[in-house]
Amino acid sequence: MLHDFLKAVRDGEVQSVQEIARSLNISPAMGLRMAQDLAARGYLQEIGVDCNSPQGACLDCPAVQGCQALTRHWFLTEKGKTAASAAASAE
């Protein structure tokens, strides 16, 4: 299930946890727990809530031009991209 979560993020670039939960047919609360777990393990990074405007520190962020503070969004780290690609190759 965690690999499916990573693939959902990879395939959609940046998605809200609610959208990912809906696509995996799990509750938003479960989706959030999974996102937090994957972030703690270094597979995901959250686009911060203080990201109202583009900043120099956010240059590698995929939402640098359209970040919104009211919704939590996540993107894959290099470790997450590698795991998602490996999972897709194993199918």
N, C-alpha and C. Protein backbone atom coordinates (compact mmCIF):
# COMPACT_ATOMS: atom_id res chain seq x y z
N MET A 1 0.82 -1.19 0.00
CA MET A 1 0.00 0.00 0.00
C MET A 1 0.87 1.26 0.00
N LEU A 2 2.00 1.23 0.72
CA LEU A 2 2.88 2.39 0.75
C LEU A 2 3.46 2.68 -0.63
N HIS A 3 3.80 1.62 -1.36
CA HIS A 3 4.31 1.82 -2.72
C HIS A 3 3.23 2.40 -3.62
N ASP A 4 1.98 1.97 -3.43
CA ASP A 4 0.87 2.53 -4.20
C ASP A 4 0.72 4.02 -3.90
N PHE A 5 0.91 4.39 -2.64
CA PHE A 5 0.84 5.79 -2.25
C PHE A 5 1.94 6.59 -2.95
N LEU A 6 3.16 6.06 -2.93
CA LEU A 6 4.28 6.73 -3.60
C LEU A 6 4.04 6.87 -5.09
N LYS A 7 3.50 5.81 -5.71
CA LYS A 7 3.22 5.87 -7.14
C LYS A 7 2.14 6.90 -7.45
N ALA A 8 1.14 7.03 -6.56
CA ALA A 8 0.09 8.03 -6.77
C ALA A 8 0.68 9.44 -6.73
N VAL A 9 1.60 9.67 -5.82
CA VAL A 9 2.25 10.97 -5.75
C VAL A 9 3.11 11.18 -6.98
N ARG A 10 3.87 10.16 -7.37
CA ARG A 10 4.75 10.27 -8.55
C ARG A 10 3.94 10.56 -9.80
N ASP A 11 2.86 9.86 -9.98
CA ASP A 11 2.07 10.00 -11.21
C ASP A 11 1.34 11.33 -11.28
N GLY A 12 1.09 11.95 -10.14
CA GLY A 12 0.38 13.22 -10.14
C GLY A 12 1.24 14.40 -9.80
N GLU A 13 2.57 14.18 -9.70
CA GLU A 13 3.52 15.22 -9.30
C GLU A 13 3.22 15.71 -7.90
N VAL A 14 2.25 16.57 -7.72
CA VAL A 14 1.89 17.07 -6.40
C VAL A 14 0.40 16.87 -6.24
N GLN A 15 -0.01 16.17 -5.18
CA GLN A 15 -1.42 15.92 -4.93
C GLN A 15 -1.70 16.13 -3.46
N SER A 16 -2.93 16.41 -3.14
CA SER A 16 -3.31 16.50 -1.73
C SER A 16 -3.49 15.08 -1.21
N VAL A 17 -3.34 14.93 0.09
CA VAL A 17 -3.53 13.63 0.72
C VAL A 17 -4.96 13.14 0.50
N GLN A 18 -5.91 14.06 0.51
CA GLN A 18 -7.30 13.67 0.29
C GLN A 18 -7.49 13.06 -1.10
N GLU A 19 -6.89 13.64 -2.11
CA GLU A 19 -6.99 13.09 -3.47
C GLU A 19 -6.35 11.71 -3.55
N ILE A 20 -5.19 11.55 -2.92
CA ILE A 20 -4.51 10.26 -2.93
C ILE A 20 -5.33 9.22 -2.19
N ALA A 21 -5.87 9.59 -1.02
CA ALA A 21 -6.70 8.66 -0.25
C ALA A 21 -7.90 8.20 -1.08
N ARG A 22 -8.51 9.14 -1.77
CA ARG A 22 -9.67 8.79 -2.62
C ARG A 22 -9.25 7.80 -3.71
N SER A 23 -8.09 8.03 -4.32
CA SER A 23 -7.65 7.15 -5.40
C SER A 23 -7.27 5.76 -4.89
N LEU A 24 -6.85 5.66 -3.62
CA LEU A 24 -6.48 4.37 -3.04
C LEU A 24 -7.63 3.73 -2.28
N ASN A 25 -8.77 4.42 -2.23
CA ASN A 25 -9.95 3.92 -1.54
C ASN A 25 -9.69 3.71 -0.05
N ILE A 26 -9.03 4.70 0.57
CA ILE A 26 -8.80 4.69 2.01
C ILE A 26 -9.31 6.01 2.58
N SER A 27 -9.42 6.08 3.88
CA SER A 27 -9.90 7.32 4.50
C SER A 27 -8.83 8.40 4.42
N PRO A 28 -9.25 9.67 4.43
CA PRO A 28 -8.27 10.76 4.46
C PRO A 28 -7.35 10.68 5.69
N ALA A 29 -7.89 10.23 6.82
CA ALA A 29 -7.07 10.10 8.03
C ALA A 29 -5.97 9.05 7.83
N MET A 30 -6.31 7.94 7.18
CA MET A 30 -5.30 6.91 6.88
C MET A 30 -4.29 7.45 5.88
N GLY A 31 -4.76 8.20 4.89
CA GLY A 31 -3.85 8.79 3.92
C GLY A 31 -2.87 9.74 4.59
N LEU A 32 -3.35 10.54 5.53
CA LEU A 32 -2.48 11.47 6.24
C LEU A 32 -1.45 10.71 7.07
N ARG A 33 -1.88 9.66 7.75
CA ARG A 33 -0.93 8.85 8.55
C ARG A 33 0.14 8.24 7.66
N MET A 34 -0.28 7.76 6.48
CA MET A 34 0.69 7.18 5.55
C MET A 34 1.66 8.24 5.06
N ALA A 35 1.15 9.43 4.72
CA ALA A 35 2.01 10.52 4.25
C ALA A 35 3.00 10.92 5.33
N GLN A 36 2.54 11.02 6.56
CA GLN A 36 3.43 11.38 7.66
C GLN A 36 4.50 10.31 7.87
N ASP A 37 4.11 9.04 7.78
CA ASP A 37 5.06 7.94 7.94
C ASP A 37 6.10 7.96 6.82
N LEU A 38 5.64 8.15 5.59
CA LEU A 38 6.57 8.19 4.46
C LEU A 38 7.49 9.41 4.53
N ALA A 39 6.97 10.52 5.05
CA ALA A 39 7.81 11.71 5.23
C ALA A 39 8.86 11.46 6.31
N ALA A 40 8.45 10.82 7.39
CA ALA A 40 9.40 10.52 8.47
C ALA A 40 10.51 9.58 7.99
N ARG A 41 10.19 8.71 7.04
CA ARG A 41 11.17 7.77 6.49
C ARG A 41 12.00 8.38 5.36
N GLY A 42 11.66 9.60 4.96
CA GLY A 42 12.44 10.29 3.94
C GLY A 42 11.99 10.08 2.51
N TYR A 43 10.79 9.53 2.30
CA TYR A 43 10.28 9.28 0.95
C TYR A 43 9.47 10.45 0.39
N LEU A 44 8.88 11.23 1.28
CA LEU A 44 8.05 12.36 0.89
C LEU A 44 8.53 13.60 1.62
N GLN A 45 8.18 14.74 1.04
CA GLN A 45 8.40 16.01 1.72
C GLN A 45 7.14 16.83 1.56
N GLU A 46 6.72 17.43 2.64
CA GLU A 46 5.53 18.26 2.60
C GLU A 46 5.90 19.65 2.11
N ILE A 47 5.02 20.21 1.29
CA ILE A 47 5.16 21.61 0.90
C ILE A 47 4.65 22.39 2.09
N GLY A 48 5.50 23.16 2.71
CA GLY A 48 5.21 23.81 3.98
C GLY A 48 4.06 24.79 3.96
N VAL A 49 3.44 24.96 5.11
CA VAL A 49 2.33 25.89 5.24
C VAL A 49 2.81 27.34 5.23
N ASP A 50 4.10 27.57 5.34
CA ASP A 50 4.62 28.93 5.28
C ASP A 50 5.07 29.28 3.87
N CYS A 51 4.56 28.57 2.90
CA CYS A 51 5.00 28.68 1.52
C CYS A 51 4.03 29.54 0.71
N ASN A 52 3.64 30.69 1.24
CA ASN A 52 2.68 31.55 0.56
C ASN A 52 3.22 32.21 -0.69
N SER A 53 4.50 32.42 -0.75
CA SER A 53 5.09 33.05 -1.92
C SER A 53 6.42 32.38 -2.22
N PRO A 54 6.85 32.37 -3.47
CA PRO A 54 8.12 31.75 -3.81
C PRO A 54 9.26 32.37 -3.01
N GLN A 55 10.11 31.51 -2.50
CA GLN A 55 11.26 31.94 -1.72
C GLN A 55 12.49 31.23 -2.26
N GLY A 56 13.64 31.79 -2.01
CA GLY A 56 14.88 31.19 -2.48
C GLY A 56 15.06 29.76 -1.99
N ALA A 57 14.63 29.48 -0.78
CA ALA A 57 14.81 28.14 -0.21
C ALA A 57 13.87 27.12 -0.85
N CYS A 58 12.89 27.58 -1.61
CA CYS A 58 11.89 26.68 -2.20
C CYS A 58 12.16 26.38 -3.67
N LEU A 59 13.32 26.70 -4.18
CA LEU A 59 13.58 26.55 -5.61
C LEU A 59 13.40 25.13 -6.12
N ASP A 60 13.65 24.10 -5.28
CA ASP A 60 13.50 22.72 -5.73
C ASP A 60 12.09 22.20 -5.53
N CYS A 61 11.20 23.03 -5.03
CA CYS A 61 9.83 22.63 -4.76
C CYS A 61 9.03 22.65 -6.06
N PRO A 62 8.29 21.56 -6.38
CA PRO A 62 7.53 21.53 -7.62
C PRO A 62 6.36 22.52 -7.65
N ALA A 63 5.99 23.09 -6.52
CA ALA A 63 4.87 24.03 -6.49
C ALA A 63 5.35 25.46 -6.24
N VAL A 64 6.59 25.73 -6.55
CA VAL A 64 7.18 27.03 -6.22
C VAL A 64 6.38 28.20 -6.79
N GLN A 65 5.72 28.02 -7.90
CA GLN A 65 4.96 29.12 -8.50
C GLN A 65 3.50 29.14 -8.07
N GLY A 66 2.98 28.04 -7.54
CA GLY A 66 1.55 28.01 -7.22
C GLY A 66 1.24 27.39 -5.88
N CYS A 67 2.08 27.59 -4.91
CA CYS A 67 1.90 27.01 -3.59
C CYS A 67 0.72 27.66 -2.87
N GLN A 68 -0.06 26.85 -2.19
CA GLN A 68 -1.18 27.36 -1.41
C GLN A 68 -1.04 26.85 0.02
N ALA A 69 -1.14 27.74 0.96
CA ALA A 69 -0.89 27.39 2.36
C ALA A 69 -2.02 26.62 3.01
N LEU A 70 -3.23 26.66 2.46
CA LEU A 70 -4.36 26.08 3.15
C LEU A 70 -4.51 24.58 2.97
N THR A 71 -3.84 24.00 2.01
CA THR A 71 -3.95 22.58 1.74
C THR A 71 -2.59 21.93 1.84
N ARG A 72 -2.52 20.78 2.50
CA ARG A 72 -1.26 20.08 2.60
C ARG A 72 -1.00 19.32 1.31
N HIS A 73 0.18 19.50 0.77
CA HIS A 73 0.58 18.79 -0.43
C HIS A 73 1.94 18.16 -0.18
N TRP A 74 2.23 17.13 -0.92
CA TRP A 74 3.45 16.37 -0.73
C TRP A 74 4.11 16.14 -2.07
N PHE A 75 5.41 15.97 -2.07
CA PHE A 75 6.12 15.56 -3.27
C PHE A 75 7.19 14.56 -2.89
N LEU A 76 7.60 13.78 -3.88
CA LEU A 76 8.59 12.72 -3.65
C LEU A 76 9.99 13.29 -3.51
N THR A 77 10.72 12.75 -2.57
CA THR A 77 12.14 13.04 -2.47
C THR A 77 12.84 12.11 -3.47
N GLU A 78 14.14 12.24 -3.62
CA GLU A 78 14.87 11.32 -4.50
C GLU A 78 14.69 9.87 -4.04
N LYS A 79 14.72 9.65 -2.74
CA LYS A 79 14.50 8.31 -2.18
C LYS A 79 13.11 7.79 -2.56
N GLY A 80 12.11 8.67 -2.50
CA GLY A 80 10.75 8.28 -2.86
C GLY A 80 10.62 7.97 -4.34
N LYS A 81 11.28 8.77 -5.19
CA LYS A 81 11.25 8.51 -6.63
C LYS A 81 11.86 7.15 -6.95
N THR A 82 12.96 6.83 -6.29
CA THR A 82 13.61 5.55 -6.51
C THR A 82 12.71 4.40 -6.08
N ALA A 83 12.07 4.53 -4.92
CA ALA A 83 11.17 3.47 -4.42
C ALA A 83 9.96 3.31 -5.32
N ALA A 84 9.38 4.40 -5.78
CA ALA A 84 8.20 4.32 -6.65
C ALA A 84 8.56 3.69 -7.99
N SER A 85 9.72 4.02 -8.53
CA SER A 85 10.17 3.43 -9.80
C SER A 85 10.45 1.95 -9.65
N ALA A 86 11.06 1.57 -8.53
CA ALA A 86 11.34 0.15 -8.28
C ALA A 86 10.06 -0.64 -8.14
N ALA A 87 9.07 -0.06 -7.48
CA ALA A 87 7.77 -0.74 -7.30
C ALA A 87 7.08 -0.92 -8.64
N ALA A 88 7.16 0.09 -9.49
CA ALA A 88 6.52 0.01 -10.82
C ALA A 88 7.23 -1.03 -11.69
N SER A 89 8.54 -1.15 -11.56
CA SER A 89 9.30 -2.13 -12.33
C SER A 89 9.00 -3.56 -11.91
N ALA A 90 8.66 -3.74 -10.64
CA ALA A 90 8.39 -5.07 -10.09
C ALA A 90 7.02 -5.60 -10.52
N GLU A 91 6.16 -4.71 -11.01
CA GLU A 91 4.81 -5.16 -11.41
C GLU A 91 4.80 -5.91 -12.69
